[in-house]
C-alpha atoms as a PDB file:
ATOM      1  CA  MET A   1      98.204-178.032  -5.054  1.00  0.00           C
ATOM      2  CA  VAL A   2      96.923-174.117  -4.539  1.00  0.00           C
ATOM      3  CA  SER A   3      99.479-171.904  -4.158  1.00  0.00           C
ATOM      4  CA  LYS A   4      98.502-168.400  -1.949  1.00  0.00           C
ATOM      5  CA  SER A   5      98.665-166.211  -4.950  1.00  0.00           C
ATOM      6  CA  GLN A   6      95.899-168.008  -6.768  1.00  0.00           C
ATOM      7  CA  ILE A   7      94.195-168.453  -3.608  1.00  0.00           C
ATOM      8  CA  LYS A   8      94.466-164.346  -3.489  1.00  0.00           C
ATOM      9  CA  LEU A   9      93.556-164.383  -7.252  1.00  0.00           C
ATOM     10  CA  ILE A  10      90.140-166.747  -6.638  1.00  0.00           C
ATOM     11  CA  THR A  11      89.194-164.552  -3.814  1.00  0.00           C
ATOM     12  CA  SER A  12      89.734-161.161  -5.165  1.00  0.00           C
ATOM     13  CA  LEU A  13      87.693-162.167  -8.212  1.00  0.00           C
ATOM     14  CA  GLU A  14      84.406-161.816  -6.244  1.00  0.00           C
ATOM     15  CA  GLN A  15      84.086-158.124  -6.299  1.00  0.00           C
ATOM     16  CA  LYS A  16      83.449-156.389  -9.386  1.00  0.00           C
ATOM     17  CA  LYS A  17      86.265-153.856  -9.152  1.00  0.00           C
ATOM     18  CA  HIS A  18      88.947-156.855  -9.749  1.00  0.00           C
ATOM     19  CA  ARG A  19      86.977-158.506 -12.085  1.00  0.00           C
ATOM     20  CA  THR A  20      87.408-155.701 -14.060  1.00  0.00           C
ATOM     21  CA  LYS A  21      90.756-155.015 -13.400  1.00  0.00           C
ATOM     22  CA  MET A  22      92.230-158.310 -14.124  1.00  0.00           C
ATOM     23  CA  GLY A  23      89.709-159.354 -16.757  1.00  0.00           C
ATOM     24  CA  LEU A  24      88.895-162.584 -15.292  1.00  0.00           C
ATOM     25  CA  PHE A  25      86.059-164.237 -13.816  1.00  0.00           C
ATOM     26  CA  VAL A  26      85.246-167.657 -12.284  1.00  0.00           C
ATOM     27  CA  VAL A  27      83.123-170.598 -13.009  1.00  0.00           C
ATOM     28  CA  GLU A  28      82.580-173.285 -11.242  1.00  0.00           C
ATOM     29  CA  GLY A  29      80.817-177.076 -11.389  1.00  0.00           C
ATOM     30  CA  LYS A  30      81.681-179.499 -14.631  1.00  0.00           C
ATOM     31  CA  LYS A  31      78.882-178.148 -16.681  1.00  0.00           C
ATOM     32  CA  GLY A  32      79.590-174.696 -16.506  1.00  0.00           C
ATOM     33  CA  ILE A  33      83.039-175.557 -16.997  1.00  0.00           C
ATOM     34  CA  GLU A  34      82.372-177.390 -20.063  1.00  0.00           C
ATOM     35  CA  GLU A  35      79.793-175.187 -21.365  1.00  0.00           C
ATOM     36  CA  VAL A  36      82.547-172.175 -21.090  1.00  0.00           C
ATOM     37  CA  LEU A  37      85.490-174.283 -22.622  1.00  0.00           C
ATOM     38  CA  GLU A  38      83.307-175.258 -25.268  1.00  0.00           C
ATOM     39  CA  SER A  39      82.871-171.649 -26.504  1.00  0.00           C
ATOM     40  CA  ASN A  40      85.493-168.860 -27.868  1.00  0.00           C
ATOM     41  CA  PHE A  41      86.566-167.882 -23.821  1.00  0.00           C
ATOM     42  CA  GLU A  42      89.872-168.014 -23.051  1.00  0.00           C
ATOM     43  CA  LEU A  43      91.028-170.496 -20.226  1.00  0.00           C
ATOM     44  CA  HIS A  44      93.133-168.602 -17.733  1.00  0.00           C
ATOM     45  CA  SER A  45      93.628-171.416 -15.341  1.00  0.00           C
ATOM     46  CA  LEU A  46      91.098-174.573 -13.995  1.00  0.00           C
ATOM     47  CA  PHE A  47      91.511-176.362 -10.492  1.00  0.00           C
ATOM     48  CA  THR A  48      89.721-179.666 -10.171  1.00  0.00           C
ATOM     49  CA  THR A  49      89.788-182.853  -8.341  1.00  0.00           C
ATOM     50  CA  GLN A  50      89.092-185.376 -11.385  1.00  0.00           C
ATOM     51  CA  ASP A  51      91.329-185.004 -14.501  1.00  0.00           C
ATOM     52  CA  ILE A  52      88.209-185.281 -16.856  1.00  0.00           C
ATOM     53  CA  PHE A  53      88.051-182.065 -18.714  1.00  0.00           C
ATOM     54  CA  ASN A  54      90.912-183.193 -21.438  1.00  0.00           C
ATOM     55  CA  THR A  55      92.058-179.822 -22.079  1.00  0.00           C
ATOM     56  CA  TYR A  56      95.046-177.504 -21.499  1.00  0.00           C
ATOM     57  CA  PRO A  57      97.299-179.537 -19.786  1.00  0.00           C
ATOM     58  CA  ASP A  58      99.486-176.760 -18.949  1.00  0.00           C
ATOM     59  CA  ARG A  59      96.776-174.850 -17.377  1.00  0.00           C
ATOM     60  CA  THR A  60      95.127-177.488 -15.558  1.00  0.00           C
ATOM     61  CA  HIS A  61      96.086-178.096 -11.894  1.00  0.00           C
ATOM     62  CA  ILE A  62      94.658-181.399 -10.167  1.00  0.00           C
ATOM     63  CA  ILE A  63      93.991-180.715  -6.289  1.00  0.00           C
ATOM     64  CA  SER A  64      92.466-182.194  -3.407  1.00  0.00           C
ATOM     65  CA  GLU A  65      88.874-182.181  -2.454  1.00  0.00           C
ATOM     66  CA  VAL A  66      90.145-180.009   0.751  1.00  0.00           C
ATOM     67  CA  GLU A  67      92.060-177.793  -1.329  1.00  0.00           C
ATOM     68  CA  LEU A  68      88.455-177.141  -3.734  1.00  0.00           C
ATOM     69  CA  LYS A  69      86.381-176.312  -0.770  1.00  0.00           C
ATOM     70  CA  LYS A  70      88.929-173.229   0.283  1.00  0.00           C
ATOM     71  CA  ILE A  71      88.450-171.975  -3.186  1.00  0.00           C
ATOM     72  CA  SER A  72      85.116-172.365  -3.816  1.00  0.00           C
ATOM     73  CA  ARG A  73      82.034-169.792  -3.298  1.00  0.00           C
ATOM     74  CA  LEU A  74      80.123-172.947  -3.502  1.00  0.00           C
ATOM     75  CA  LYS A  75      77.964-174.336  -0.332  1.00  0.00           C
ATOM     76  CA  THR A  76      79.044-178.019  -1.849  1.00  0.00           C
ATOM     77  CA  ALA A  77      82.162-177.541  -4.117  1.00  0.00           C
ATOM     78  CA  GLN A  78      81.660-179.217  -7.345  1.00  0.00           C
ATOM     79  CA  ILE A  79      84.346-181.068  -8.705  1.00  0.00           C
ATOM     80  CA  GLY A  80      86.105-178.150  -9.992  1.00  0.00           C
ATOM     81  CA  LEU A  81      86.667-174.114 -10.391  1.00  0.00           C
ATOM     82  CA  ALA A  82      87.801-172.162 -13.473  1.00  0.00           C
ATOM     83  CA  ILE A  83      88.723-168.715 -14.414  1.00  0.00           C
ATOM     84  CA  PHE A  84      87.715-167.685 -17.732  1.00  0.00           C
ATOM     85  CA  LYS A  85      89.498-164.148 -19.346  1.00  0.00           C
ATOM     86  CA  ILE A  86      86.508-161.740 -19.906  1.00  0.00           C
ATOM     87  CA  PRO A  87      86.029-161.334 -23.583  1.00  0.00           C
ATOM     88  CA  PHE A  88      86.084-157.829 -25.071  1.00  0.00           C
ATOM     89  CA  ARG A  89      83.130-156.200 -26.611  1.00  0.00           C
ATOM     90  CA  ASN A  90      83.147-152.673 -28.752  1.00  0.00           C
ATOM     91  CA  GLU A  91      80.594-153.424 -31.058  1.00  0.00           C
ATOM     92  CA  ILE A  92      76.920-153.459 -30.290  1.00  0.00           C
ATOM     93  CA  LYS A  93      74.677-155.475 -32.451  1.00  0.00           C
ATOM     94  CA  LEU A  94      70.956-155.411 -32.790  1.00  0.00           C
ATOM     95  CA  GLU A  95      69.176-157.623 -34.570  1.00  0.00           C
ATOM     96  CA  GLY A  96      65.207-158.839 -34.089  1.00  0.00           C
ATOM     97  CA  LEU A  97      64.307-158.497 -30.274  1.00  0.00           C
ATOM     98  CA  VAL A  98      66.356-157.274 -28.067  1.00  0.00           C
ATOM     99  CA  ILE A  99      66.140-157.029 -24.275  1.00  0.00           C
ATOM    100  CA  ALA A 100      67.595-154.526 -22.060  1.00  0.00           C
ATOM    101  CA  LEU A 101      67.545-154.248 -18.038  1.00  0.00           C
ATOM    102  CA  ASP A 102      67.270-151.176 -16.196  1.00  0.00           C
ATOM    103  CA  GLY A 103      68.862-151.345 -12.794  1.00  0.00           C
ATOM    104  CA  VAL A 104      68.359-155.137 -12.176  1.00  0.00           C
ATOM    105  CA  ARG A 105      70.341-155.828  -8.988  1.00  0.00           C
ATOM    106  CA  ASP A 106      69.724-159.737  -8.209  1.00  0.00           C
ATOM    107  CA  PRO A 107      72.255-162.309  -9.668  1.00  0.00           C
ATOM    108  CA  GLY A 108      69.622-164.868  -9.905  1.00  0.00           C
ATOM    109  CA  ASN A 109      67.571-162.490 -12.015  1.00  0.00           C
ATOM    110  CA  LEU A 110      70.138-161.618 -14.265  1.00  0.00           C
ATOM    111  CA  GLY A 111      70.973-165.652 -15.090  1.00  0.00           C
ATOM    112  CA  THR A 112      67.869-166.724 -15.583  1.00  0.00           C
ATOM    113  CA  ILE A 113      67.332-163.873 -17.909  1.00  0.00           C
ATOM    114  CA  ILE A 114      70.459-164.442 -19.813  1.00  0.00           C
ATOM    115  CA  ARG A 115      69.671-168.201 -20.078  1.00  0.00           C
ATOM    116  CA  LEU A 116      65.633-167.281 -20.958  1.00  0.00           C
ATOM    117  CA  CYS A 117      67.699-164.921 -23.569  1.00  0.00           C
ATOM    118  CA  ASP A 118      69.545-167.669 -24.805  1.00  0.00           C
ATOM    119  CA  TRP A 119      66.731-170.621 -24.707  1.00  0.00           C
ATOM    120  CA  PHE A 120      64.267-167.904 -26.881  1.00  0.00           C
ATOM    121  CA  GLY A 121      67.143-166.622 -29.263  1.00  0.00           C
ATOM    122  CA  VAL A 122      67.954-163.480 -28.269  1.00  0.00           C
ATOM    123  CA  GLU A 123      71.194-162.638 -29.133  1.00  0.00           C
ATOM    124  CA  THR A 124      71.714-159.369 -27.846  1.00  0.00           C
ATOM    125  CA  LEU A 125      71.086-158.236 -24.041  1.00  0.00           C
ATOM    126  CA  LEU A 126      71.800-154.587 -22.937  1.00  0.00           C
ATOM    127  CA  CYS A 127      72.055-153.834 -19.563  1.00  0.00           C
ATOM    128  CA  SER A 128      72.605-150.158 -17.431  1.00  0.00           C
ATOM    129  CA  LEU A 129      75.176-149.204 -15.816  1.00  0.00           C
ATOM    130  CA  ASP A 130      73.651-150.306 -12.032  1.00  0.00           C
ATOM    131  CA  THR A 131      72.350-153.722 -13.496  1.00  0.00           C
ATOM    132  CA  VAL A 132      74.414-156.360 -11.840  1.00  0.00           C
ATOM    133  CA  ASP A 133      77.436-157.140 -13.228  1.00  0.00           C
ATOM    134  CA  CYS A 134      77.106-160.505 -15.299  1.00  0.00           C
ATOM    135  CA  TYR A 135      80.602-162.357 -14.152  1.00  0.00           C
ATOM    136  CA  ASN A 136      79.386-162.231 -10.420  1.00  0.00           C
ATOM    137  CA  SER A 137      79.607-165.942  -9.948  1.00  0.00           C
ATOM    138  CA  LYS A 138      76.253-166.373  -8.645  1.00  0.00           C
ATOM    139  CA  VAL A 139      74.954-165.079 -11.898  1.00  0.00           C
ATOM    140  CA  VAL A 140      77.408-166.878 -13.824  1.00  0.00           C
ATOM    141  CA  GLN A 141      76.452-170.194 -11.954  1.00  0.00           C
ATOM    142  CA  ALA A 142      72.666-169.181 -13.129  1.00  0.00           C
ATOM    143  CA  THR A 143      73.364-168.943 -16.467  1.00  0.00           C
ATOM    144  CA  MET A 144      73.858-172.490 -16.760  1.00  0.00           C
ATOM    145  CA  GLY A 145      76.830-171.556 -19.686  1.00  0.00           C
ATOM    146  CA  SER A 146      73.879-169.362 -21.154  1.00  0.00           C
ATOM    147  CA  ILE A 147      76.592-166.399 -20.860  1.00  0.00           C
ATOM    148  CA  THR A 148      78.965-167.721 -23.793  1.00  0.00           C
ATOM    149  CA  ARG A 149      76.038-167.845 -26.274  1.00  0.00           C
ATOM    150  CA  VAL A 150      74.183-163.989 -25.612  1.00  0.00           C
ATOM    151  CA  LYS A 151      76.293-160.789 -25.976  1.00  0.00           C
ATOM    152  CA  ILE A 152      76.060-158.880 -23.163  1.00  0.00           C
ATOM    153  CA  HIS A 153      76.621-155.083 -23.022  1.00  0.00           C
ATOM    154  CA  TYR A 154      76.540-152.219 -20.324  1.00  0.00           C
ATOM    155  CA  MET A 155      76.224-148.957 -21.248  1.00  0.00           C
ATOM    156  CA  ASP A 156      74.627-145.314 -20.354  1.00  0.00           C
ATOM    157  CA  LEU A 157      71.038-146.619 -21.089  1.00  0.00           C
ATOM    158  CA  PRO A 158      68.820-143.967 -21.375  1.00  0.00           C
ATOM    159  CA  LEU A 159      71.566-142.387 -23.643  1.00  0.00           C
ATOM    160  CA  PHE A 160      71.899-145.329 -25.765  1.00  0.00           C
ATOM    161  CA  LEU A 161      67.807-145.517 -26.265  1.00  0.00           C
ATOM    162  CA  LYS A 162      67.749-141.490 -27.018  1.00  0.00           C
ATOM    163  CA  GLU A 163      70.652-141.833 -29.633  1.00  0.00           C
ATOM    164  CA  ASN A 164      69.053-145.529 -31.525  1.00  0.00           C
ATOM    165  CA  ASN A 165      66.762-145.116 -34.269  1.00  0.00           C
ATOM    166  CA  SER A 166      66.883-148.532 -35.434  1.00  0.00           C
ATOM    167  CA  HIS A 167      64.662-150.045 -32.882  1.00  0.00           C
ATOM    168  CA  PHE A 168      61.367-149.739 -31.972  1.00  0.00           C
ATOM    169  CA  LYS A 169      61.405-148.950 -27.738  1.00  0.00           C
ATOM    170  CA  ALA A 170      58.825-150.674 -25.645  1.00  0.00           C
ATOM    171  CA  GLY A 171      58.723-151.090 -21.827  1.00  0.00           C
ATOM    172  CA  THR A 172      57.259-153.031 -19.116  1.00  0.00           C
ATOM    173  CA  PHE A 173      54.706-151.026 -16.663  1.00  0.00           C
ATOM    174  CA  LEU A 174      51.868-151.540 -14.385  1.00  0.00           C
ATOM    175  CA  GLU A 175      49.837-148.956 -16.984  1.00  0.00           C
ATOM    176  CA  GLY A 176      50.995-150.775 -20.168  1.00  0.00           C
ATOM    177  CA  GLU A 177      48.931-152.073 -22.707  1.00  0.00           C
ATOM    178  CA  ASN A 178      47.839-155.988 -22.362  1.00  0.00           C
ATOM    179  CA  VAL A 179      50.917-157.832 -24.025  1.00  0.00           C
ATOM    180  CA  TYR A 180      48.356-160.712 -25.135  1.00  0.00           C
ATOM    181  CA  SER A 181      46.541-158.088 -27.622  1.00  0.00           C
ATOM    182  CA  SER A 182      49.697-156.002 -28.263  1.00  0.00           C
ATOM    183  CA  GLU A 183      51.858-155.838 -31.368  1.00  0.00           C
ATOM    184  CA  ILE A 184      55.434-155.336 -31.269  1.00  0.00           C
ATOM    185  CA  PRO A 185      57.671-154.851 -34.255  1.00  0.00           C
ATOM    186  CA  LYS A 186      59.860-157.427 -35.011  1.00  0.00           C
ATOM    187  CA  ASN A 187      62.791-154.876 -34.468  1.00  0.00           C
ATOM    188  CA  SER A 188      62.504-154.238 -30.793  1.00  0.00           C
ATOM    189  CA  ILE A 189      63.698-153.341 -27.747  1.00  0.00           C
ATOM    190  CA  ILE A 190      61.955-153.956 -24.638  1.00  0.00           C
ATOM    191  CA  VAL A 191      62.629-152.504 -21.499  1.00  0.00           C
ATOM    192  CA  LEU A 192      62.619-154.299 -18.079  1.00  0.00           C
ATOM    193  CA  GLY A 193      63.078-152.638 -14.630  1.00  0.00           C
ATOM    194  CA  ASN A 194      64.345-152.651 -11.259  1.00  0.00           C
ATOM    195  CA  GLU A 195      62.699-155.696  -9.198  1.00  0.00           C
ATOM    196  CA  ALA A 196      61.740-152.644  -6.433  1.00  0.00           C
ATOM    197  CA  ASN A 197      61.276-149.840  -8.241  1.00  0.00           C
ATOM    198  CA  GLY A 198      60.813-150.800 -12.259  1.00  0.00           C
ATOM    199  CA  ILE A 199      61.687-148.568 -15.131  1.00  0.00           C
ATOM    200  CA  SER A 200      63.220-145.242 -14.297  1.00  0.00           C
ATOM    201  CA  ALA A 201      61.501-141.936 -15.034  1.00  0.00           C
ATOM    202  CA  LYS A 202      64.605-140.923 -17.879  1.00  0.00           C
ATOM    203  CA  ILE A 203      63.880-144.569 -19.704  1.00  0.00           C
ATOM    204  CA  GLU A 204      59.899-144.156 -19.531  1.00  0.00           C
ATOM    205  CA  SER A 205      60.294-140.949 -21.372  1.00  0.00           C
ATOM    206  CA  LEU A 206      62.385-142.483 -24.526  1.00  0.00           C
ATOM    207  CA  VAL A 207      59.302-145.926 -24.123  1.00  0.00           C
ATOM    208  CA  GLU A 208      57.498-145.503 -27.316  1.00  0.00           C
ATOM    209  CA  LYS A 209      54.506-148.464 -25.840  1.00  0.00           C
ATOM    210  CA  LYS A 210      54.305-148.995 -22.381  1.00  0.00           C
ATOM    211  CA  ILE A 211      53.201-153.202 -21.922  1.00  0.00           C
ATOM    212  CA  ASN A 212      52.082-155.545 -19.357  1.00  0.00           C
ATOM    213  CA  ILE A 213      51.275-158.979 -18.499  1.00  0.00           C
ATOM    214  CA  PRO A 214      47.964-158.745 -16.889  1.00  0.00           C
ATOM    215  CA  GLN A 215      46.911-159.820 -13.705  1.00  0.00           C
ATOM    216  CA  PHE A 216      44.031-162.759 -13.954  1.00  0.00           C
ATOM    217  CA  SER A 217      43.607-163.345 -10.045  1.00  0.00           C
ATOM    218  CA  MET A 218      41.207-161.169  -8.379  1.00  0.00           C
ATOM    219  CA  ALA A 219      43.372-160.914  -5.070  1.00  0.00           C
ATOM    220  CA  GLU A 220      44.608-157.161  -4.870  1.00  0.00           C
ATOM    221  CA  ASN A 221      47.357-158.081  -2.848  1.00  0.00           C
ATOM    222  CA  THR A 222      48.810-160.538  -5.239  1.00  0.00           C
ATOM    223  CA  GLU A 223      52.558-159.322  -5.640  1.00  0.00           C
ATOM    224  CA  SER A 224      53.789-158.503  -9.087  1.00  0.00           C
ATOM    225  CA  LEU A 225      55.745-160.735 -11.519  1.00  0.00           C
ATOM    226  CA  ASN A 226      59.145-161.361 -10.695  1.00  0.00           C
ATOM    227  CA  VAL A 227      61.419-159.827 -13.429  1.00  0.00           C
ATOM    228  CA  ALA A 228      62.712-163.203 -14.845  1.00  0.00           C
ATOM    229  CA  THR A 229      59.270-164.660 -14.973  1.00  0.00           C
ATOM    230  CA  ALA A 230      58.000-161.399 -16.559  1.00  0.00           C
ATOM    231  CA  THR A 231      60.997-162.174 -19.197  1.00  0.00           C
ATOM    232  CA  ALA A 232      60.157-165.386 -19.677  1.00  0.00           C
ATOM    233  CA  ILE A 233      55.933-164.625 -20.381  1.00  0.00           C
ATOM    234  CA  LEU A 234      57.320-161.778 -23.028  1.00  0.00           C
ATOM    235  CA  LEU A 235      59.672-163.821 -24.523  1.00  0.00           C
ATOM    236  CA  SER A 236      57.218-166.512 -25.248  1.00  0.00           C
ATOM    237  CA  GLU A 237      54.273-164.531 -26.182  1.00  0.00           C
ATOM    238  CA  TYR A 238      56.629-162.605 -28.595  1.00  0.00           C
ATOM    239  CA  ARG A 239      57.912-165.721 -30.327  1.00  0.00           C
ATOM    240  CA  ARG A 240      54.249-167.360 -30.247  1.00  0.00           C
ATOM    241  CA  LYS A 241      53.077-164.233 -32.260  1.00  0.00           C
ATOM    242  CA  GLU A 242      56.068-164.339 -35.041  1.00  0.00           C
ATOM    243  CA  ASN A 243      55.628-167.974 -35.551  1.00  0.00           C
ATOM    244  CA  TYR A 244      52.085-168.816 -35.281  1.00  0.00           C
END
Protein backbone atom coordinates (compact mmCIF):
# COMPACT_ATOMS: atom_id res chain seq x y z
CA MET A 1 0.00 0.00 0.00
CA VAL A 2 1.15 3.55 -0.77
CA SER A 3 0.69 5.90 2.18
CA LYS A 4 -0.51 9.49 1.91
CA SER A 5 2.94 10.77 2.89
CA GLN A 6 4.57 8.65 0.15
CA ILE A 7 2.11 9.94 -2.44
CA LYS A 8 2.80 13.49 -1.28
CA LEU A 9 6.57 12.94 -1.61
CA ILE A 10 6.32 11.41 -5.08
CA THR A 11 4.02 14.19 -6.28
CA SER A 12 6.30 16.89 -4.86
CA LEU A 13 9.27 15.52 -6.80
CA GLU A 14 7.68 16.69 -10.04
CA GLN A 15 8.94 20.15 -9.09
CA LYS A 16 12.63 21.02 -9.32
CA LYS A 17 12.64 22.97 -6.04
CA HIS A 18 11.49 19.89 -4.14
CA ARG A 19 13.93 17.58 -5.97
CA THR A 20 16.73 19.96 -5.01
CA LYS A 21 15.56 20.30 -1.41
CA MET A 22 15.04 16.57 -0.87
CA GLY A 23 17.92 15.40 -3.05
CA LEU A 24 15.63 12.84 -4.70
CA PHE A 25 14.28 12.04 -8.15
CA VAL A 26 11.83 9.58 -9.72
CA VAL A 27 12.43 6.80 -12.24
CA GLU A 28 9.58 4.87 -13.87
CA GLY A 29 9.45 1.66 -15.88
CA LYS A 30 11.21 -1.70 -15.60
CA LYS A 31 14.21 -0.93 -17.82
CA GLY A 32 14.87 2.49 -16.32
CA ILE A 33 14.65 1.21 -12.74
CA GLU A 34 16.92 -1.77 -13.49
CA GLU A 35 19.53 0.48 -15.12
CA VAL A 36 19.67 2.82 -12.13
CA LEU A 37 19.66 -0.05 -9.61
CA GLU A 38 22.76 -1.46 -11.34
CA SER A 39 24.57 1.89 -11.01
CA ASN A 40 26.06 3.54 -7.95
CA PHE A 41 22.92 5.64 -7.42
CA GLU A 42 21.35 4.94 -4.02
CA LEU A 43 17.78 3.68 -3.85
CA HIS A 44 15.40 5.51 -1.52
CA SER A 45 12.25 3.48 -2.15
CA LEU A 46 10.67 1.27 -4.81
CA PHE A 47 6.99 0.71 -5.60
CA THR A 48 6.14 -2.17 -7.93
CA THR A 49 3.21 -4.34 -8.96
CA GLN A 50 5.53 -7.31 -9.56
CA ASP A 51 8.24 -8.58 -7.23
CA ILE A 52 10.84 -8.80 -10.02
CA PHE A 53 13.65 -6.51 -8.94
CA ASN A 54 15.05 -8.84 -6.24
CA THR A 55 16.87 -6.15 -4.34
CA TYR A 56 16.49 -4.01 -1.21
CA PRO A 57 13.44 -5.82 0.24
CA ASP A 58 13.31 -3.32 3.11
CA ARG A 59 12.80 -0.46 0.63
CA THR A 60 10.47 -2.29 -1.79
CA HIS A 61 6.69 -1.93 -1.61
CA ILE A 62 4.45 -4.32 -3.56
CA ILE A 63 1.40 -2.35 -4.65
CA SER A 64 -1.63 -2.80 -6.89
CA GLU A 65 -1.93 -1.51 -10.46
CA VAL A 66 -4.57 0.95 -9.25
CA GLU A 67 -2.12 2.36 -6.71
CA LEU A 68 0.66 2.57 -9.32
CA LYS A 69 -1.63 4.57 -11.62
CA LYS A 70 -2.21 7.05 -8.79
CA ILE A 71 1.51 7.81 -8.37
CA SER A 72 2.68 7.40 -11.98
CA ARG A 73 3.16 10.39 -14.27
CA LEU A 74 3.10 8.21 -17.39
CA LYS A 75 -0.01 7.84 -19.54
CA THR A 76 0.36 4.09 -19.10
CA ALA A 77 1.96 3.04 -15.80
CA GLN A 78 4.80 0.56 -16.29
CA ILE A 79 5.26 -2.05 -13.53
CA GLY A 80 7.09 0.19 -11.10
CA LEU A 81 8.20 3.57 -9.82
CA ALA A 82 11.39 4.16 -7.86
CA ILE A 83 12.84 7.08 -5.94
CA PHE A 84 16.63 7.49 -6.00
CA LYS A 85 19.02 9.88 -4.27
CA ILE A 86 20.59 12.52 -6.50
CA PRO A 87 24.37 11.93 -6.48
CA PHE A 88 26.54 14.74 -5.18
CA ARG A 89 29.15 15.94 -7.67
CA ASN A 90 31.51 18.84 -7.13
CA GLU A 91 34.58 17.88 -9.17
CA ILE A 92 34.34 18.48 -12.91
CA LYS A 93 36.46 16.09 -14.95
CA LEU A 94 37.38 17.47 -18.36
CA GLU A 95 38.95 14.88 -20.61
CA GLY A 96 38.60 14.53 -24.37
CA LEU A 97 35.40 15.77 -25.94
CA VAL A 98 32.91 17.60 -23.73
CA ILE A 99 29.42 18.77 -24.70
CA ALA A 100 27.99 22.00 -23.22
CA LEU A 101 24.36 23.12 -23.42
CA ASP A 102 23.36 26.78 -23.35
CA GLY A 103 19.71 27.13 -22.36
CA VAL A 104 18.29 23.86 -23.73
CA ARG A 105 14.74 23.80 -22.38
CA ASP A 106 13.00 20.75 -23.82
CA PRO A 107 13.15 17.64 -21.55
CA GLY A 108 13.05 15.27 -24.52
CA ASN A 109 15.99 17.04 -26.14
CA LEU A 110 18.09 16.90 -22.99
CA GLY A 111 17.24 13.25 -22.38
CA THR A 112 18.23 12.34 -25.94
CA ILE A 113 21.46 14.34 -25.70
CA ILE A 114 22.39 12.46 -22.51
CA ARG A 115 21.80 9.16 -24.36
CA LEU A 116 23.93 10.39 -27.25
CA CYS A 117 26.77 11.34 -24.91
CA ASP A 118 26.59 7.86 -23.44
CA TRP A 119 26.56 6.20 -26.89
CA PHE A 120 29.47 8.24 -28.25
CA GLY A 121 31.58 7.99 -25.11
CA VAL A 122 31.29 11.58 -23.90
CA GLU A 123 31.70 11.35 -20.14
CA THR A 124 30.98 14.96 -19.17
CA LEU A 125 28.01 17.17 -20.03
CA LEU A 126 28.03 20.82 -18.95
CA CYS A 127 24.73 22.67 -18.59
CA SER A 128 23.94 26.35 -18.12
CA LEU A 129 21.79 27.21 -15.13
CA ASP A 130 18.76 27.82 -17.39
CA THR A 131 18.97 24.39 -19.04
CA VAL A 132 16.14 22.04 -18.02
CA ASP A 133 16.88 19.96 -14.92
CA CYS A 134 18.31 16.55 -15.82
CA TYR A 135 16.31 14.95 -12.98
CA ASN A 136 13.01 16.12 -14.46
CA SER A 137 10.99 12.89 -14.82
CA LYS A 138 10.59 13.37 -18.59
CA VAL A 139 14.34 13.82 -19.00
CA VAL A 140 15.09 10.75 -16.89
CA GLN A 141 12.60 8.70 -18.92
CA ALA A 142 14.18 9.81 -22.20
CA THR A 143 17.71 8.91 -21.09
CA MET A 144 16.81 5.20 -20.79
CA GLY A 145 19.37 4.76 -18.01
CA SER A 146 22.17 6.79 -19.59
CA ILE A 147 21.81 9.39 -16.84
CA THR A 148 23.77 7.01 -14.60
CA ARG A 149 26.78 6.94 -16.94
CA VAL A 150 27.17 10.60 -17.96
CA LYS A 151 28.48 13.14 -15.45
CA ILE A 152 26.17 16.17 -15.68
CA HIS A 153 27.13 19.51 -14.14
CA TYR A 154 25.07 22.73 -13.86
CA MET A 155 27.01 25.98 -13.65
CA ASP A 156 27.48 29.59 -14.66
CA LEU A 157 28.50 28.44 -18.13
CA PRO A 158 29.94 31.74 -19.46
CA LEU A 159 32.13 32.08 -16.37
CA PHE A 160 33.29 28.47 -16.58
CA LEU A 161 34.21 28.77 -20.26
CA LYS A 162 36.01 32.05 -19.61
CA GLU A 163 38.12 30.55 -16.83
CA ASN A 164 38.85 27.22 -18.53
CA ASN A 165 42.12 27.02 -20.44
CA SER A 166 42.47 23.27 -20.90
CA HIS A 167 39.96 22.81 -23.72
CA PHE A 168 39.37 24.37 -27.14
CA LYS A 169 35.91 25.92 -27.39
CA ALA A 170 33.65 25.50 -30.41
CA GLY A 171 29.99 26.36 -30.89
CA THR A 172 27.23 25.74 -33.40
CA PHE A 173 26.13 28.75 -35.49
CA LEU A 174 24.32 29.22 -38.80
CA GLU A 175 27.29 31.19 -40.13
CA GLY A 176 29.83 28.67 -38.84
CA GLU A 177 32.48 26.66 -40.67
CA ASN A 178 31.32 23.44 -42.36
CA VAL A 179 31.68 20.70 -39.72
CA TYR A 180 32.61 18.13 -42.40
CA SER A 181 35.73 20.06 -43.37
CA SER A 182 36.49 21.62 -39.99
CA GLU A 183 39.10 20.25 -37.59
CA ILE A 184 38.19 20.13 -33.91
CA PRO A 185 40.97 19.31 -31.41
CA LYS A 186 40.75 16.17 -29.28
CA ASN A 187 40.28 18.17 -26.07
CA SER A 188 37.34 20.38 -27.00
CA ILE A 189 34.12 21.72 -25.56
CA ILE A 190 31.36 21.91 -28.17
CA VAL A 191 28.52 24.25 -27.19
CA LEU A 192 24.96 23.83 -28.47
CA GLY A 193 22.36 26.50 -27.87
CA ASN A 194 18.73 27.08 -27.04
CA GLU A 195 16.11 25.56 -29.35
CA ALA A 196 14.72 28.95 -30.41
CA ASN A 197 17.55 31.43 -29.90
CA GLY A 198 20.74 29.44 -30.30
CA ILE A 199 23.88 30.30 -28.34
CA SER A 200 23.76 33.42 -26.16
CA ALA A 201 25.88 36.49 -26.91
CA LYS A 202 27.94 35.99 -23.73
CA ILE A 203 29.01 32.53 -24.78
CA GLU A 204 29.42 33.48 -28.46
CA SER A 205 32.16 35.91 -27.42
CA LEU A 206 34.07 33.06 -25.74
CA VAL A 207 33.90 30.56 -28.61
CA GLU A 208 37.15 30.06 -30.54
CA LYS A 209 35.55 28.44 -33.59
CA LYS A 210 32.04 28.57 -35.02
CA ILE A 211 30.89 25.38 -36.71
CA ASN A 212 27.81 24.57 -38.76
CA ILE A 213 26.01 21.52 -40.14
CA PRO A 214 25.37 22.54 -43.77
CA GLN A 215 21.93 22.36 -45.32
CA PHE A 216 21.86 20.36 -48.57
CA SER A 217 18.23 21.08 -49.41
CA MET A 218 17.58 24.08 -51.68
CA ALA A 219 14.31 24.87 -49.89
CA GLU A 220 14.64 28.19 -48.09
CA ASN A 221 11.82 27.53 -45.61
CA THR A 222 13.30 24.31 -44.15
CA GLU A 223 13.41 24.51 -40.36
CA SER A 224 16.80 24.34 -38.64
CA LEU A 225 17.84 21.05 -37.07
CA ASN A 226 16.53 20.01 -33.70
CA VAL A 227 19.30 20.45 -31.08
CA ALA A 228 19.37 16.73 -30.24
CA THR A 229 19.62 15.82 -33.94
CA ALA A 230 22.44 18.33 -34.35
CA THR A 231 24.24 16.79 -31.38
CA ALA A 232 23.99 13.34 -32.96
CA ILE A 233 25.50 14.57 -36.24
CA LEU A 234 28.31 16.47 -34.53
CA LEU A 235 29.28 13.57 -32.28
CA SER A 236 29.17 11.10 -35.16
CA GLU A 237 31.38 13.31 -37.32
CA TYR A 238 33.82 13.96 -34.46
CA ARG A 239 34.23 10.22 -33.77
CA ARG A 240 34.51 9.43 -37.50
CA LYS A 241 37.44 11.82 -37.90
CA GLU A 242 39.01 10.54 -34.74
CA ASN A 243 38.90 6.89 -35.76
CA TYR A 244 39.28 6.83 -39.57
